[in-house]
């Protein structure tokens, strides 16, 4: 059974009523982003047609996730709230204080020794206030959330920029500071400026060496590092449905590179498979029961220009692997043009060090690609 299943049941029981009320009040079809936002309005908020990029709105997120570095201050603040338990399901994940230097076993031993006082504090506070505690070595926060806590149509905040990874499972998941996390755990509303909406239509299907990460690398080149500021990015189309759930997560994860508030995908078969594969068939069954509320209305995707502030279309069948950089993540270059561009701009072409980071390569899908490439390099005797 999934964690916090009763909370998820409550969200799904109320969502159709809230979404229908919003659609009736506004008098038009709704995007997925709008459905989730309207379904999570704080009880004190009056339903209205909020102006994008202008109105500040209070929300009631479903859950909170915190990494060990930022959780310390958030929990110290929460301890002053006078509550005996957190108001919403919350978790602490001990991953950021582990320094990758030697190897997994030795690095973990060093972290357990050097950060023992911090870990003991976080474990003790978590136990006292009903907070889930993931000890050092238990996993990377945004991947643990995707595998255990994220659910389609939900809304969560996390004290980590990679919280947005949960958009791969159809959530509105947003990275925040510790004070925001404290407020939500204490039962207070959480404020956000009603976002602008960017729709990205994906057609075709990935082939060859192209991977889901190339989608967001391409998008970064189109929108730049500032292009998503104040906006939520919603991916849709047949190409989106052809992507795996973890592939969707990678795309949403790197939405931070364009300054987006967060990114998300509509509920589909890949998400259902992922939920079942990670022991959450009960959530998949619940989601199937209201699946029309976990994606945009059909009219939205048929005429996206009427509902999004900006629409971009990418044909995955034509998408090449991309290399972004140097110097800035929005300098996107198709791999077929990299040699030419490097020579023209005087970029360094000798690779001396390679790092596969867990921030944007946290899924098995990402890691397996890197491992496959490394094995091929070794087999070919390349240096």
Protein backbone atom coordinates (compact mmCIF):
# COMPACT_ATOMS: atom_id res chain seq x y z
CA UNK A 1 0.00 0.00 0.00
CA UNK A 2 1.19 3.51 -0.80
CA UNK A 3 2.23 5.97 1.89
CA UNK A 4 -0.53 8.34 3.05
CA UNK A 5 -3.20 6.58 0.99
CA UNK A 6 -6.03 8.14 2.99
CA UNK A 7 -4.77 11.61 2.10
CA UNK A 8 -4.64 10.65 -1.58
CA UNK A 9 -8.17 9.24 -1.41
CA UNK A 10 -9.37 12.54 0.06
CA UNK A 11 -7.65 14.57 -2.68
CA UNK A 12 -9.19 12.41 -5.41
CA UNK A 13 -12.64 12.48 -3.81
CA UNK A 14 -12.65 16.29 -3.71
CA UNK A 15 -10.86 17.04 -6.98
CA UNK A 16 -13.76 16.48 -9.43
CA UNK A 17 -16.06 18.75 -7.42
CA UNK A 18 -13.47 21.52 -7.15
CA UNK A 19 -12.42 21.32 -10.80
CA UNK A 20 -16.01 21.31 -12.05
CA UNK A 21 -16.76 24.34 -9.89
CA UNK A 22 -13.73 26.19 -11.27
CA UNK A 23 -14.60 25.34 -14.87
CA UNK A 24 -18.17 26.54 -14.33
CA UNK A 25 -17.04 29.75 -12.62
CA UNK A 26 -14.48 30.66 -15.28
CA UNK A 27 -16.61 29.47 -18.16
CA UNK A 28 -13.95 27.70 -20.21
CA UNK A 29 -11.88 24.55 -20.47
CA UNK A 30 -8.95 24.10 -18.07
CA UNK A 31 -5.33 23.07 -18.45
CA UNK A 32 -3.96 20.35 -16.16
CA UNK A 33 -1.99 22.99 -14.26
CA UNK A 34 -5.14 25.00 -13.60
CA UNK A 35 -7.04 21.92 -12.46
CA UNK A 36 -4.42 21.09 -9.86
CA UNK A 37 -4.09 24.68 -8.69
CA UNK A 38 -7.85 25.20 -8.34
CA UNK A 39 -8.16 21.86 -6.55
CA UNK A 40 -5.61 23.03 -3.97
CA UNK A 41 -6.88 26.52 -3.21
CA UNK A 42 -6.79 27.21 0.50
CA UNK A 43 -10.21 27.17 2.13
CA UNK A 44 -9.97 30.91 2.82
CA UNK A 45 -9.54 31.73 -0.89
CA UNK A 46 -12.56 32.78 -2.91
CA UNK A 47 -12.83 31.06 -6.29
CA UNK A 48 -12.23 33.56 -9.07
CA UNK A 49 -10.52 33.88 -12.45
CA UNK A 50 -7.09 34.77 -11.12
CA UNK A 51 -4.92 36.89 -13.42
CA UNK A 52 -1.74 35.13 -14.46
CA UNK A 53 1.45 36.74 -13.28
CA UNK A 54 -0.41 39.25 -11.10
CA UNK A 55 -2.62 37.78 -8.36
CA UNK A 56 -1.09 36.23 -5.26
CA UNK A 57 -3.05 33.16 -4.20
CA UNK A 58 -3.07 30.99 -1.07
CA UNK A 59 -2.79 27.23 -1.53
CA UNK A 60 -2.98 24.11 0.64
CA UNK A 61 -0.27 21.67 -0.55
CA UNK A 62 -0.72 17.96 0.14
CA UNK A 63 2.76 17.28 1.47
CA UNK A 64 6.24 18.63 2.28
CA UNK A 65 9.69 17.13 1.63
CA UNK A 66 12.94 18.43 3.13
CA UNK A 67 16.59 17.61 2.57
CA UNK A 68 18.97 17.47 5.52
CA UNK A 69 20.76 20.78 4.96
CA UNK A 70 17.61 22.92 4.77
CA UNK A 71 15.47 20.81 7.12
CA UNK A 72 17.46 21.92 10.16
CA UNK A 73 16.22 25.52 10.23
CA UNK A 74 12.76 24.56 8.98
CA UNK A 75 12.30 22.13 11.87
CA UNK A 76 13.76 24.53 14.43
CA UNK A 77 11.12 27.03 13.31
CA UNK A 78 8.37 24.41 13.30
CA UNK A 79 9.18 23.44 16.89
CA UNK A 80 8.03 26.92 17.91
CA UNK A 81 4.61 26.47 16.26
CA UNK A 82 3.07 24.75 19.27
CA UNK A 83 1.83 21.72 17.34
CA UNK A 84 2.14 18.11 18.46
CA UNK A 85 2.25 16.83 14.87
CA UNK A 86 2.74 18.19 11.36
CA UNK A 87 -0.45 19.32 9.62
CA UNK A 88 0.36 17.53 6.35
CA UNK A 89 2.44 14.43 5.55
CA UNK A 90 6.10 15.47 5.63
CA UNK A 91 9.47 13.78 5.18
CA UNK A 92 13.16 14.45 5.83
CA UNK A 93 15.80 12.98 3.51
CA UNK A 94 19.47 12.81 4.54
CA UNK A 95 21.36 13.09 1.26
CA UNK A 96 22.89 16.55 0.80
CA UNK A 97 25.45 16.30 3.60
CA UNK A 98 27.08 13.23 2.04
CA UNK A 99 30.12 14.38 0.06
CA UNK A 100 30.93 12.31 -3.03
CA UNK A 101 34.70 11.95 -2.78
CA UNK A 102 35.98 8.38 -2.36
CA UNK A 103 33.30 5.74 -2.85
CA UNK A 104 29.75 5.14 -1.68
CA UNK A 105 30.64 3.14 1.43
CA UNK A 106 33.47 5.35 2.65
CA UNK A 107 31.65 8.59 1.85
CA UNK A 108 28.65 7.40 3.86
CA UNK A 109 30.84 6.43 6.81
CA UNK A 110 32.47 9.87 6.80
CA UNK A 111 29.09 11.64 6.62
CA UNK A 112 27.67 9.56 9.48
CA UNK A 113 30.65 10.57 11.60
CA UNK A 114 30.96 14.24 10.66
CA UNK A 115 27.21 14.99 10.59
CA UNK A 116 26.11 12.70 13.43
CA UNK A 117 24.77 15.57 15.53
CA UNK A 118 22.66 16.85 12.62
CA UNK A 119 21.31 13.40 11.77
CA UNK A 120 20.45 12.67 15.40
CA UNK A 121 18.59 15.98 15.67
CA UNK A 122 16.63 15.41 12.46
CA UNK A 123 15.75 11.83 13.44
CA UNK A 124 14.62 12.89 16.92
CA UNK A 125 12.45 15.78 15.72
CA UNK A 126 10.98 13.67 12.93
CA UNK A 127 10.04 10.95 15.39
CA UNK A 128 8.44 13.44 17.78
CA UNK A 129 6.29 15.24 15.21
CA UNK A 130 5.26 12.36 12.94
CA UNK A 131 7.64 13.17 10.09
CA UNK A 132 8.98 10.43 7.82
CA UNK A 133 12.76 10.08 8.21
CA UNK A 134 15.02 8.71 5.47
CA UNK A 135 18.42 8.06 7.01
CA UNK A 136 21.77 8.71 5.29
CA UNK A 137 22.23 6.29 2.41
CA UNK A 138 18.49 5.73 1.95
CA UNK A 139 18.37 7.61 -1.34
CA UNK A 140 18.31 10.96 -3.12
CA UNK A 141 15.37 13.11 -2.04
CA UNK A 142 13.75 13.78 -5.41
CA UNK A 143 14.06 10.17 -6.54
CA UNK A 144 12.73 8.82 -3.23
CA UNK A 145 9.76 11.18 -3.58
CA UNK A 146 9.04 10.00 -7.13
CA UNK A 147 9.27 6.34 -6.12
CA UNK A 148 7.25 6.61 -2.91
CA UNK A 149 5.23 9.78 -2.43
CA UNK A 150 4.42 11.57 -5.70
CA UNK A 151 0.96 11.01 -7.16
CA UNK A 152 -0.89 12.39 -10.20
CA UNK A 153 -2.87 15.55 -9.51
CA UNK A 154 -1.20 16.24 -6.17
CA UNK A 155 0.55 19.39 -5.00
CA UNK A 156 3.69 19.41 -2.89
CA UNK A 157 6.49 21.73 -1.86
CA UNK A 158 10.04 20.76 -0.99
CA UNK A 159 13.13 22.51 0.35
CA UNK A 160 15.17 21.37 -2.64
CA UNK A 161 15.27 22.78 -6.17
CA UNK A 162 14.83 19.29 -7.61
CA UNK A 163 11.41 18.90 -5.98
CA UNK A 164 10.09 19.64 -9.49
CA UNK A 165 11.15 16.10 -10.48
CA UNK A 166 7.76 14.90 -9.17
CA UNK A 167 6.11 16.60 -12.14
CA UNK A 168 7.04 13.44 -14.03
CA UNK A 169 4.24 11.74 -12.12
CA UNK A 170 1.71 14.47 -12.84
CA UNK A 171 2.16 16.62 -9.73
CA UNK A 172 2.57 20.33 -9.24
CA UNK A 173 5.76 20.13 -7.17
CA UNK A 174 7.66 23.29 -6.29
CA UNK A 175 10.98 24.00 -4.60
CA UNK A 176 10.76 26.45 -1.68
CA UNK A 177 12.68 27.78 1.30
CA UNK A 178 12.55 26.40 4.81
CA UNK A 179 10.16 29.10 6.06
CA UNK A 180 7.55 28.07 3.48
CA UNK A 181 7.91 24.43 4.49
CA UNK A 182 7.48 25.40 8.13
CA UNK A 183 4.27 27.31 7.36
CA UNK A 184 2.67 24.38 5.55
CA UNK A 185 3.70 21.88 8.22
CA UNK A 186 2.12 24.21 10.77
CA UNK A 187 -1.16 24.27 8.85
CA UNK A 188 -0.83 27.77 7.40
CA UNK A 189 -1.64 28.65 3.76
CA UNK A 190 1.17 28.81 1.23
CA UNK A 191 1.29 31.81 -1.11
CA UNK A 192 2.23 31.75 -4.80
CA UNK A 193 1.71 34.22 -7.62
CA UNK A 194 -0.77 32.68 -10.06
CA UNK A 195 1.60 31.44 -12.77
CA UNK A 196 1.72 32.03 -16.46
CA UNK A 197 1.40 28.86 -18.54
CA UNK A 198 3.77 27.53 -21.18
CA UNK A 199 2.51 24.60 -23.23
CA UNK A 200 5.02 22.32 -24.95
CA UNK A 201 3.53 19.96 -27.51
CA UNK A 202 5.62 16.88 -28.18
CA UNK A 203 5.00 14.95 -31.39
CA UNK A 204 6.74 11.91 -32.84
CA UNK A 205 8.89 9.50 -30.83
CA UNK A 206 12.48 9.50 -29.63
CA UNK A 207 14.89 7.36 -31.62
CA UNK A 208 18.56 6.49 -31.77
CA UNK A 209 20.71 8.18 -29.16
CA UNK A 210 18.12 10.85 -28.32
CA UNK A 211 16.92 10.67 -24.71
CA UNK A 212 14.28 12.49 -22.64
CA UNK A 213 17.02 14.79 -21.34
CA UNK A 214 17.49 16.09 -24.88
CA UNK A 215 13.93 17.43 -24.77
CA UNK A 216 14.67 19.81 -21.92
CA UNK A 217 18.11 20.67 -23.34
CA UNK A 218 16.32 21.71 -26.54
CA UNK A 219 13.72 23.66 -24.55
CA UNK A 220 16.47 25.45 -22.62
CA UNK A 221 17.97 26.56 -25.91
CA UNK A 222 14.61 27.92 -27.04
CA UNK A 223 13.46 29.61 -23.83
CA UNK A 224 16.86 30.53 -22.27
CA UNK A 225 17.58 30.46 -18.54
CA UNK A 226 14.98 33.17 -17.90
CA UNK A 227 12.24 32.07 -20.30
CA UNK A 228 10.28 30.05 -17.76
CA UNK A 229 10.35 32.60 -14.94
CA UNK A 230 6.97 32.90 -13.24
CA UNK A 231 5.51 30.11 -15.37
CA UNK A 232 4.54 26.47 -15.09
CA UNK A 233 5.42 24.33 -18.10
CA UNK A 234 2.88 21.72 -19.19
CA UNK A 235 3.96 19.03 -21.65
CA UNK A 236 1.40 17.26 -23.82
CA UNK A 237 0.88 15.45 -27.11
CA UNK A 238 1.50 11.95 -28.44
CA UNK A 239 5.21 12.40 -27.94
CA UNK A 240 4.65 13.07 -24.24
CA UNK A 241 2.65 9.86 -23.87
CA UNK A 242 5.46 7.91 -25.56
CA UNK A 243 7.95 8.92 -22.84
CA UNK A 244 8.58 6.81 -19.75
CA UNK A 245 7.58 8.16 -16.35
CA UNK A 246 11.21 8.52 -15.24
CA UNK A 247 11.96 10.23 -18.56
CA UNK A 248 9.20 12.71 -17.80
CA UNK A 249 10.74 13.19 -14.36
CA UNK A 250 14.11 14.06 -15.88
CA UNK A 251 12.50 16.68 -18.12
CA UNK A 252 10.61 18.25 -15.21
CA UNK A 253 13.68 18.03 -12.98
CA UNK A 254 15.71 20.20 -15.34
CA UNK A 255 12.91 22.73 -15.78
CA UNK A 256 14.73 24.69 -13.08
CA UNK A 257 17.37 25.46 -15.72
CA UNK A 258 14.88 27.70 -17.55
CA UNK A 259 13.67 29.39 -14.37
CA UNK A 260 10.27 27.68 -14.44
CA UNK A 261 8.21 27.51 -11.26
CA UNK A 262 7.70 23.83 -12.08
CA UNK A 263 6.74 21.50 -14.94
CA UNK A 264 4.24 18.68 -15.30
CA UNK A 265 2.69 16.05 -17.57
CA UNK A 266 -0.86 14.73 -17.78
CA UNK A 267 -1.65 11.31 -16.32
CA UNK A 268 -1.15 8.48 -18.81
CA UNK A 269 -0.34 4.78 -19.13
CA UNK A 270 3.37 5.24 -18.39
CA UNK A 271 2.51 6.78 -15.02
CA UNK A 272 0.09 3.96 -14.26
CA UNK A 273 2.80 1.40 -15.05
CA UNK A 274 5.30 3.23 -12.88
CA UNK A 275 2.93 3.42 -9.92
CA UNK A 276 2.29 -0.32 -10.17
CA UNK A 277 6.00 -1.11 -10.59
CA UNK A 278 6.80 0.85 -7.41
CA UNK A 279 4.19 -0.93 -5.29
CA UNK A 280 1.42 1.65 -5.60
CA UNK A 281 -1.24 -0.13 -7.60
CA UNK A 282 -3.82 1.29 -5.19
CA UNK A 283 -2.88 4.83 -6.28
CA UNK A 284 -2.98 3.82 -9.96
CA UNK A 285 -6.48 2.42 -9.51
CA UNK A 286 -7.64 5.59 -7.78
CA UNK A 287 -6.09 7.75 -10.51
CA UNK A 288 -7.75 5.67 -13.23
CA UNK A 289 -11.09 6.45 -11.61
CA UNK A 290 -10.72 10.22 -12.18
CA UNK A 291 -8.21 10.25 -15.05
CA UNK A 292 -10.14 12.89 -17.01
CA UNK A 293 -9.37 15.30 -14.14
CA UNK A 294 -5.66 14.43 -14.18
CA UNK A 295 -5.00 15.87 -17.61
CA UNK A 296 -6.16 18.99 -19.43
CA UNK A 297 -9.59 19.17 -21.04
CA UNK A 298 -9.54 17.89 -24.64
CA UNK A 299 -10.30 21.37 -26.00
CA UNK A 300 -7.09 22.71 -24.43
CA UNK A 301 -4.79 20.33 -26.26
CA UNK A 302 -6.79 20.68 -29.49
CA UNK A 303 -6.36 24.48 -29.47
CA UNK A 304 -3.44 25.16 -27.11
CA UNK A 305 -2.82 28.72 -28.31
CA UNK A 306 -6.12 29.76 -26.71
CA UNK A 307 -5.16 28.48 -23.26
CA UNK A 308 -1.39 28.86 -22.88
CA UNK A 309 0.58 32.11 -22.84
CA UNK A 310 3.19 30.50 -25.06
CA UNK A 311 3.18 27.28 -27.08
CA UNK A 312 6.24 25.41 -28.37
CA UNK A 313 6.13 22.31 -30.56
CA UNK A 314 8.96 19.77 -30.74
CA UNK A 315 9.03 16.75 -33.04
CA UNK A 316 10.79 14.02 -31.07
CA UNK A 317 11.38 11.99 -34.24
CA UNK A 318 13.67 14.78 -35.47
CA UNK A 319 15.30 15.56 -32.12
CA UNK A 320 19.06 15.00 -31.95
CA UNK A 321 21.13 14.44 -28.83
CA UNK A 322 22.19 17.85 -27.52
CA UNK A 323 25.16 19.22 -25.63
CA UNK A 324 24.47 22.35 -23.59
CA UNK A 325 27.18 24.80 -22.65
CA UNK A 326 29.89 25.74 -22.14
CA UNK A 327 29.38 28.51 -19.59
CA UNK A 328 25.55 28.53 -19.58
CA UNK A 329 22.91 25.77 -19.65
CA UNK A 330 20.83 27.43 -22.37
CA UNK A 331 23.57 27.27 -25.02
CA UNK A 332 22.08 24.21 -26.75
CA UNK A 333 23.93 22.58 -29.64
CA UNK A 334 22.81 19.47 -31.58
CA UNK A 335 25.61 16.92 -31.43
CA UNK A 336 25.94 16.92 -35.24
CA UNK A 337 26.95 20.59 -35.11
CA UNK A 338 29.13 20.48 -32.00
CA UNK A 339 32.49 20.05 -33.77
CA UNK A 340 31.76 22.98 -36.07
CA UNK A 341 30.51 25.23 -33.27
CA UNK A 342 33.43 24.37 -31.00
CA UNK A 343 35.95 25.26 -33.69
CA UNK A 344 34.14 28.46 -34.60
CA UNK A 345 33.89 29.66 -30.99
CA UNK A 346 37.20 28.36 -29.70
CA UNK A 347 35.60 26.03 -27.15
CA UNK A 348 37.79 23.39 -25.47
CA UNK A 349 37.35 20.00 -27.14
CA UNK A 350 39.50 17.77 -24.96
CA UNK A 351 37.51 15.95 -22.28
CA UNK A 352 39.66 15.54 -19.18
CA UNK A 353 37.09 14.83 -16.47
CA UNK A 354 33.57 13.42 -16.65
CA UNK A 355 31.05 13.62 -13.82
CA UNK A 356 27.70 11.85 -13.77
CA UNK A 357 25.78 13.86 -11.18
CA UNK A 358 22.80 12.55 -9.23
CA UNK A 359 20.92 15.85 -9.47
CA UNK A 360 19.76 15.34 -13.06
CA UNK A 361 20.74 11.69 -13.49
CA UNK A 362 18.95 10.20 -10.53
CA UNK A 363 16.77 7.60 -12.26
CA UNK A 364 17.92 4.15 -13.32
CA UNK A 365 17.07 5.16 -16.88
CA UNK A 366 19.60 8.01 -16.78
CA UNK A 367 22.30 6.04 -14.97
CA UNK A 368 21.95 3.00 -17.24
CA UNK A 369 22.58 5.18 -20.30
CA UNK A 370 25.74 6.58 -18.74
CA UNK A 371 26.91 3.09 -17.77
CA UNK A 372 26.24 1.80 -21.28
CA UNK A 373 28.26 4.62 -22.82
CA UNK A 374 31.16 4.09 -20.40
CA UNK A 375 31.22 0.36 -21.20
CA UNK A 376 31.30 1.05 -24.93
CA UNK A 377 34.17 3.51 -24.49
CA UNK A 378 36.09 0.89 -22.51
CA UNK A 379 35.36 -1.88 -25.02
CA UNK A 380 36.60 0.30 -27.88
CA UNK A 381 39.76 1.14 -25.98
CA UNK A 382 39.13 4.87 -26.31
CA UNK A 383 41.10 7.24 -24.12
